């Protein structure tokens, strides 16, 4: 079960990933952020974000044009999230 939710529907690149980055700063290492986005570019952007910042993509999917992601925060300093 996610610890926080981010509704980034209706936002275009790069806003979904930027808002996810900001939301991750509020979480402790190991906590999970759930993200919903409608921009197809978010799929690649979220994967790249996780790889670059040391977060774990637990799941991703798409239903009716809404892309969903569950991301576990890695053990990174808050300013690097």
N, C-alpha and C. Protein backbone atom coordinates (compact mmCIF):
# COMPACT_ATOMS: atom_id res chain seq x y z
N UNK A 1 0.84 -1.18 0.00
CA UNK A 1 0.00 0.00 0.00
C UNK A 1 0.90 1.25 0.00
N UNK A 2 0.63 2.17 -0.90
CA UNK A 2 1.45 3.39 -0.99
C UNK A 2 1.35 4.27 0.25
N UNK A 3 2.44 4.97 0.52
CA UNK A 3 2.47 5.91 1.64
C UNK A 3 1.99 7.30 1.21
N UNK A 4 2.07 7.58 -0.10
CA UNK A 4 1.65 8.88 -0.63
C UNK A 4 1.17 8.69 -2.06
N UNK A 5 0.29 9.60 -2.49
CA UNK A 5 -0.27 9.56 -3.84
C UNK A 5 -0.01 10.90 -4.53
N UNK A 6 0.28 10.81 -5.83
CA UNK A 6 0.47 12.01 -6.64
C UNK A 6 -0.41 11.90 -7.88
N UNK A 7 -1.31 12.85 -8.06
CA UNK A 7 -2.14 12.91 -9.26
C UNK A 7 -1.50 13.89 -10.22
N UNK A 8 -0.84 13.36 -11.24
CA UNK A 8 -0.20 14.20 -12.25
C UNK A 8 -0.95 14.11 -13.58
N UNK A 9 -2.22 13.71 -13.51
CA UNK A 9 -3.01 13.62 -14.74
C UNK A 9 -3.21 15.02 -15.30
N UNK A 10 -3.17 15.10 -16.61
CA UNK A 10 -3.36 16.37 -17.29
C UNK A 10 -2.09 17.20 -17.42
N UNK A 11 -1.01 16.77 -16.78
CA UNK A 11 0.25 17.50 -16.86
C UNK A 11 1.13 16.93 -17.96
N UNK A 12 1.86 17.80 -18.62
CA UNK A 12 2.75 17.39 -19.71
C UNK A 12 4.19 17.36 -19.21
N UNK A 13 5.01 16.60 -19.93
CA UNK A 13 6.43 16.49 -19.64
C UNK A 13 7.06 17.89 -19.56
N UNK A 14 7.87 18.14 -18.60
CA UNK A 14 8.45 17.26 -17.57
C UNK A 14 7.74 17.33 -16.22
N UNK A 15 6.56 17.93 -16.16
CA UNK A 15 5.91 18.17 -14.87
C UNK A 15 5.62 16.90 -14.05
N UNK A 16 5.14 15.79 -14.65
CA UNK A 16 4.89 14.62 -13.81
C UNK A 16 6.13 14.15 -13.05
N UNK A 17 7.27 14.09 -13.72
CA UNK A 17 8.47 13.61 -13.04
C UNK A 17 9.00 14.66 -12.05
N UNK A 18 8.86 15.92 -12.36
CA UNK A 18 9.30 16.96 -11.43
C UNK A 18 8.46 16.95 -10.16
N UNK A 19 7.15 16.75 -10.31
CA UNK A 19 6.28 16.68 -9.14
C UNK A 19 6.55 15.40 -8.35
N UNK A 20 6.87 14.31 -9.04
CA UNK A 20 7.24 13.07 -8.35
C UNK A 20 8.52 13.28 -7.55
N UNK A 21 9.47 13.96 -8.14
CA UNK A 21 10.73 14.24 -7.45
C UNK A 21 10.46 15.04 -6.17
N UNK A 22 9.62 16.04 -6.26
CA UNK A 22 9.27 16.86 -5.11
C UNK A 22 8.55 16.02 -4.05
N UNK A 23 7.63 15.16 -4.49
CA UNK A 23 6.88 14.32 -3.55
C UNK A 23 7.80 13.33 -2.84
N UNK A 24 8.82 12.83 -3.54
CA UNK A 24 9.74 11.87 -2.93
C UNK A 24 10.53 12.51 -1.80
N UNK A 25 10.75 13.79 -1.84
CA UNK A 25 11.49 14.49 -0.78
C UNK A 25 10.76 14.41 0.56
N UNK A 26 9.45 14.24 0.49
CA UNK A 26 8.64 14.18 1.71
C UNK A 26 8.60 12.78 2.32
N UNK A 27 9.11 11.79 1.60
CA UNK A 27 9.06 10.41 2.06
C UNK A 27 10.38 9.97 2.67
N UNK A 28 10.30 9.00 3.56
CA UNK A 28 11.49 8.38 4.13
C UNK A 28 11.92 7.24 3.21
N UNK A 29 13.19 6.87 3.30
CA UNK A 29 13.68 5.74 2.51
C UNK A 29 12.81 4.52 2.78
N UNK A 30 12.44 3.83 1.71
CA UNK A 30 11.61 2.63 1.81
C UNK A 30 10.12 2.89 1.66
N UNK A 31 9.70 4.14 1.78
CA UNK A 31 8.27 4.44 1.60
C UNK A 31 7.93 4.46 0.12
N UNK A 32 6.64 4.32 -0.19
CA UNK A 32 6.19 4.15 -1.57
C UNK A 32 5.29 5.31 -2.00
N UNK A 33 5.59 5.81 -3.20
CA UNK A 33 4.79 6.86 -3.83
C UNK A 33 4.02 6.25 -5.00
N UNK A 34 2.73 6.50 -5.03
CA UNK A 34 1.88 6.10 -6.15
C UNK A 34 1.65 7.32 -7.03
N UNK A 35 1.88 7.18 -8.33
CA UNK A 35 1.74 8.29 -9.27
C UNK A 35 0.76 7.91 -10.38
N UNK A 36 -0.13 8.84 -10.72
CA UNK A 36 -1.01 8.68 -11.88
C UNK A 36 -0.69 9.82 -12.85
N UNK A 37 -0.50 9.47 -14.12
CA UNK A 37 -0.17 10.48 -15.14
C UNK A 37 -0.83 10.10 -16.46
N UNK A 38 -1.11 11.10 -17.28
CA UNK A 38 -1.72 10.85 -18.58
C UNK A 38 -0.76 11.11 -19.74
N UNK A 39 0.39 11.70 -19.47
CA UNK A 39 1.38 11.96 -20.51
C UNK A 39 2.13 10.67 -20.83
N UNK A 40 2.07 10.17 -22.07
CA UNK A 40 2.78 8.94 -22.43
C UNK A 40 4.29 9.03 -22.19
N UNK A 41 4.84 10.22 -22.22
CA UNK A 41 6.26 10.40 -21.96
C UNK A 41 6.64 10.08 -20.53
N UNK A 42 5.67 10.04 -19.64
CA UNK A 42 5.93 9.74 -18.24
C UNK A 42 6.49 8.33 -18.06
N UNK A 43 6.16 7.42 -18.97
CA UNK A 43 6.65 6.04 -18.85
C UNK A 43 8.17 6.02 -18.86
N UNK A 44 8.77 6.61 -19.87
CA UNK A 44 10.23 6.65 -19.97
C UNK A 44 10.82 7.58 -18.91
N UNK A 45 10.14 8.70 -18.65
CA UNK A 45 10.66 9.67 -17.68
C UNK A 45 10.73 9.08 -16.27
N UNK A 46 9.69 8.36 -15.85
CA UNK A 46 9.69 7.79 -14.50
C UNK A 46 10.75 6.71 -14.37
N UNK A 47 10.93 5.90 -15.41
CA UNK A 47 11.97 4.86 -15.37
C UNK A 47 13.35 5.50 -15.27
N UNK A 48 13.59 6.55 -16.05
CA UNK A 48 14.89 7.24 -16.00
C UNK A 48 15.10 7.91 -14.66
N UNK A 49 14.05 8.51 -14.11
CA UNK A 49 14.12 9.16 -12.80
C UNK A 49 14.52 8.15 -11.73
N UNK A 50 13.89 6.99 -11.72
CA UNK A 50 14.19 5.96 -10.73
C UNK A 50 15.64 5.49 -10.86
N UNK A 51 16.06 5.25 -12.08
CA UNK A 51 17.44 4.78 -12.31
C UNK A 51 18.46 5.83 -11.88
N UNK A 52 18.19 7.08 -12.17
CA UNK A 52 19.14 8.15 -11.87
C UNK A 52 19.22 8.45 -10.37
N UNK A 53 18.10 8.28 -9.66
CA UNK A 53 18.05 8.69 -8.26
C UNK A 53 18.11 7.53 -7.27
N UNK A 54 18.17 6.30 -7.78
CA UNK A 54 18.29 5.15 -6.89
C UNK A 54 16.99 4.68 -6.27
N UNK A 55 15.87 5.02 -6.90
CA UNK A 55 14.56 4.57 -6.43
C UNK A 55 14.20 3.28 -7.16
N UNK A 56 13.27 2.52 -6.61
CA UNK A 56 12.85 1.25 -7.20
C UNK A 56 11.44 1.36 -7.76
N UNK A 57 11.30 1.07 -9.05
CA UNK A 57 9.98 1.03 -9.69
C UNK A 57 9.35 -0.31 -9.32
N UNK A 58 8.37 -0.28 -8.45
CA UNK A 58 7.71 -1.51 -8.02
C UNK A 58 6.72 -2.02 -9.04
N UNK A 59 6.01 -1.09 -9.68
CA UNK A 59 5.04 -1.48 -10.70
C UNK A 59 4.74 -0.29 -11.59
N UNK A 60 4.31 -0.61 -12.78
CA UNK A 60 3.83 0.41 -13.72
C UNK A 60 2.79 -0.24 -14.61
N UNK A 61 1.87 0.57 -15.06
CA UNK A 61 0.82 0.04 -15.92
C UNK A 61 0.03 1.16 -16.55
N UNK A 62 -0.95 0.77 -17.36
CA UNK A 62 -1.79 1.75 -18.06
C UNK A 62 -3.20 1.19 -18.15
N UNK A 63 -4.17 2.04 -17.87
CA UNK A 63 -5.58 1.68 -18.02
C UNK A 63 -6.35 2.91 -18.44
N UNK A 64 -7.02 2.81 -19.55
CA UNK A 64 -7.86 3.91 -20.05
C UNK A 64 -7.10 5.21 -20.19
N UNK A 65 -5.84 5.13 -20.65
CA UNK A 65 -5.06 6.33 -20.89
C UNK A 65 -4.39 6.93 -19.67
N UNK A 66 -4.52 6.26 -18.53
CA UNK A 66 -3.87 6.74 -17.30
C UNK A 66 -2.74 5.77 -16.96
N UNK A 67 -1.55 6.30 -16.86
CA UNK A 67 -0.37 5.52 -16.52
C UNK A 67 -0.19 5.57 -15.01
N UNK A 68 0.07 4.42 -14.41
CA UNK A 68 0.24 4.36 -12.96
C UNK A 68 1.61 3.79 -12.63
N UNK A 69 2.18 4.30 -11.56
CA UNK A 69 3.51 3.90 -11.13
C UNK A 69 3.51 3.79 -9.61
N UNK A 70 4.21 2.79 -9.10
CA UNK A 70 4.48 2.71 -7.67
C UNK A 70 5.99 2.68 -7.53
N UNK A 71 6.51 3.65 -6.78
CA UNK A 71 7.95 3.85 -6.67
C UNK A 71 8.35 3.83 -5.20
N UNK A 72 9.31 2.96 -4.88
CA UNK A 72 9.85 2.91 -3.52
C UNK A 72 11.07 3.81 -3.45
N UNK A 73 11.06 4.70 -2.46
CA UNK A 73 12.17 5.64 -2.32
C UNK A 73 13.44 4.90 -1.90
N UNK A 74 14.51 5.20 -2.60
CA UNK A 74 15.80 4.62 -2.28
C UNK A 74 16.43 5.34 -1.09
N UNK A 75 17.58 4.87 -0.71
CA UNK A 75 18.30 5.44 0.42
C UNK A 75 19.18 6.58 -0.08
N UNK A 76 18.53 7.68 -0.50
CA UNK A 76 19.23 8.84 -1.02
C UNK A 76 18.99 10.04 -0.12
N UNK A 77 19.93 10.97 -0.09
CA UNK A 77 19.68 12.20 0.69
C UNK A 77 18.46 12.94 0.13
N UNK A 78 17.74 13.65 1.00
CA UNK A 78 16.53 14.35 0.58
C UNK A 78 16.77 15.32 -0.57
N UNK A 79 17.91 15.98 -0.61
CA UNK A 79 18.17 16.94 -1.68
C UNK A 79 18.46 16.26 -3.01
N UNK A 80 18.71 14.96 -3.00
CA UNK A 80 18.97 14.22 -4.24
C UNK A 80 17.75 13.48 -4.72
N UNK A 81 16.65 13.52 -3.97
CA UNK A 81 15.46 12.76 -4.32
C UNK A 81 14.85 13.33 -5.58
